[in-house]
């Protein structure tokens, strides 16, 4: 699961790339961190556009997943009621 900040940044990158370059990079594609996501972030970096460069930097810095809270001892073995 992505953090809300990372999701928000992915949406902003999506619309900024769409507006500036007519490139439709999906939010889920950006969140997947695959080759297409890396390429989109490289485009942001190389664009010379302060907004895109800042969004790419912040996206990379945002945690990809929330840390899971450890269960209390024995919690996984208790039946659900």
C-alpha atoms as a PDB file:
ATOM      1  CA  UNK A   1       0.000   0.000   0.000  1.00  0.00           C
ATOM      2  CA  UNK A   2       1.342   3.428  -0.886  1.00  0.00           C
ATOM      3  CA  UNK A   3       1.410   6.293   1.500  1.00  0.00           C
ATOM      4  CA  UNK A   4      -1.055   9.124   0.888  1.00  0.00           C
ATOM      5  CA  UNK A   5       1.846  11.485   0.106  1.00  0.00           C
ATOM      6  CA  UNK A   6       3.230   9.155  -2.547  1.00  0.00           C
ATOM      7  CA  UNK A   7      -0.229   8.689  -4.070  1.00  0.00           C
ATOM      8  CA  UNK A   8      -0.789  12.452  -4.117  1.00  0.00           C
ATOM      9  CA  UNK A   9       2.613  13.056  -5.737  1.00  0.00           C
ATOM     10  CA  UNK A  10       1.972  10.349  -8.349  1.00  0.00           C
ATOM     11  CA  UNK A  11      -1.316  12.031  -9.276  1.00  0.00           C
ATOM     12  CA  UNK A  12       0.380  15.414  -9.564  1.00  0.00           C
ATOM     13  CA  UNK A  13       3.158  13.951 -11.745  1.00  0.00           C
ATOM     14  CA  UNK A  14       0.547  12.227 -13.916  1.00  0.00           C
ATOM     15  CA  UNK A  15      -1.330  15.465 -14.602  1.00  0.00           C
ATOM     16  CA  UNK A  16       1.822  17.575 -14.993  1.00  0.00           C
ATOM     17  CA  UNK A  17       3.230  15.181 -17.629  1.00  0.00           C
ATOM     18  CA  UNK A  18      -0.148  15.074 -19.349  1.00  0.00           C
ATOM     19  CA  UNK A  19      -0.387  18.863 -19.402  1.00  0.00           C
ATOM     20  CA  UNK A  20       3.207  19.553 -20.469  1.00  0.00           C
ATOM     21  CA  UNK A  21       3.985  16.652 -22.821  1.00  0.00           C
ATOM     22  CA  UNK A  22       0.613  14.979 -23.503  1.00  0.00           C
ATOM     23  CA  UNK A  23       2.146  11.840 -21.956  1.00  0.00           C
ATOM     24  CA  UNK A  24      -0.347   9.674 -20.109  1.00  0.00           C
ATOM     25  CA  UNK A  25       1.643   7.874 -17.407  1.00  0.00           C
ATOM     26  CA  UNK A  26      -0.857   6.269 -15.074  1.00  0.00           C
ATOM     27  CA  UNK A  27      -0.768   6.834 -11.342  1.00  0.00           C
ATOM     28  CA  UNK A  28      -0.674   3.077 -10.743  1.00  0.00           C
ATOM     29  CA  UNK A  29       2.264   2.812 -13.152  1.00  0.00           C
ATOM     30  CA  UNK A  30       4.183   5.394 -11.155  1.00  0.00           C
ATOM     31  CA  UNK A  31       3.379   3.634  -7.892  1.00  0.00           C
ATOM     32  CA  UNK A  32       4.537   0.279  -9.298  1.00  0.00           C
ATOM     33  CA  UNK A  33       8.135   1.570  -9.550  1.00  0.00           C
ATOM     34  CA  UNK A  34       8.844  -0.290 -12.791  1.00  0.00           C
ATOM     35  CA  UNK A  35      10.852   0.779 -15.826  1.00  0.00           C
ATOM     36  CA  UNK A  36       8.068   3.052 -17.088  1.00  0.00           C
ATOM     37  CA  UNK A  37       7.895   4.828 -13.727  1.00  0.00           C
ATOM     38  CA  UNK A  38      11.672   5.350 -13.678  1.00  0.00           C
ATOM     39  CA  UNK A  39      11.537   6.719 -17.224  1.00  0.00           C
ATOM     40  CA  UNK A  40       8.737   9.121 -16.308  1.00  0.00           C
ATOM     41  CA  UNK A  41      10.763  10.391 -13.350  1.00  0.00           C
ATOM     42  CA  UNK A  42      13.805  10.838 -15.601  1.00  0.00           C
ATOM     43  CA  UNK A  43      11.645  12.921 -17.949  1.00  0.00           C
ATOM     44  CA  UNK A  44      10.632  15.045 -14.966  1.00  0.00           C
ATOM     45  CA  UNK A  45      14.292  15.497 -13.986  1.00  0.00           C
ATOM     46  CA  UNK A  46      15.374  16.404 -17.515  1.00  0.00           C
ATOM     47  CA  UNK A  47      12.440  18.710 -18.228  1.00  0.00           C
ATOM     48  CA  UNK A  48      13.976  21.822 -16.714  1.00  0.00           C
ATOM     49  CA  UNK A  49      10.527  22.499 -15.239  1.00  0.00           C
ATOM     50  CA  UNK A  50      10.841  23.313 -11.530  1.00  0.00           C
ATOM     51  CA  UNK A  51       7.478  21.756 -10.684  1.00  0.00           C
ATOM     52  CA  UNK A  52       8.254  18.454 -12.410  1.00  0.00           C
ATOM     53  CA  UNK A  53      11.776  18.268 -10.983  1.00  0.00           C
ATOM     54  CA  UNK A  54      10.516  18.951  -7.466  1.00  0.00           C
ATOM     55  CA  UNK A  55       7.701  16.414  -7.784  1.00  0.00           C
ATOM     56  CA  UNK A  56      10.129  13.721  -8.969  1.00  0.00           C
ATOM     57  CA  UNK A  57      12.525  14.438  -6.099  1.00  0.00           C
ATOM     58  CA  UNK A  58       9.723  14.372  -3.526  1.00  0.00           C
ATOM     59  CA  UNK A  59       8.237  11.191  -5.041  1.00  0.00           C
ATOM     60  CA  UNK A  60      11.556   9.365  -4.751  1.00  0.00           C
ATOM     61  CA  UNK A  61      11.964  10.556  -1.146  1.00  0.00           C
ATOM     62  CA  UNK A  62       8.447   9.507  -0.071  1.00  0.00           C
ATOM     63  CA  UNK A  63       8.301   6.112   1.610  1.00  0.00           C
ATOM     64  CA  UNK A  64       6.906   3.463  -0.721  1.00  0.00           C
ATOM     65  CA  UNK A  65       5.088   1.520   1.976  1.00  0.00           C
ATOM     66  CA  UNK A  66       3.909   2.095   5.467  1.00  0.00           C
ATOM     67  CA  UNK A  67       5.633   0.043   8.104  1.00  0.00           C
ATOM     68  CA  UNK A  68       3.353  -2.654   9.392  1.00  0.00           C
ATOM     69  CA  UNK A  69       2.584  -2.617  13.078  1.00  0.00           C
ATOM     70  CA  UNK A  70       3.807  -5.815  14.741  1.00  0.00           C
ATOM     71  CA  UNK A  71       1.080  -8.007  16.163  1.00  0.00           C
ATOM     72  CA  UNK A  72       0.940  -8.705  19.849  1.00  0.00           C
ATOM     73  CA  UNK A  73       2.329 -12.120  20.748  1.00  0.00           C
ATOM     74  CA  UNK A  74      -0.257 -14.764  19.942  1.00  0.00           C
ATOM     75  CA  UNK A  75      -2.528 -12.339  18.083  1.00  0.00           C
ATOM     76  CA  UNK A  76      -2.247 -14.245  14.807  1.00  0.00           C
ATOM     77  CA  UNK A  77      -3.386 -17.472  16.427  1.00  0.00           C
ATOM     78  CA  UNK A  78      -6.503 -16.150  18.159  1.00  0.00           C
ATOM     79  CA  UNK A  79      -9.772 -16.988  16.408  1.00  0.00           C
ATOM     80  CA  UNK A  80     -11.830 -14.113  15.048  1.00  0.00           C
ATOM     81  CA  UNK A  81     -15.169 -13.624  16.792  1.00  0.00           C
END
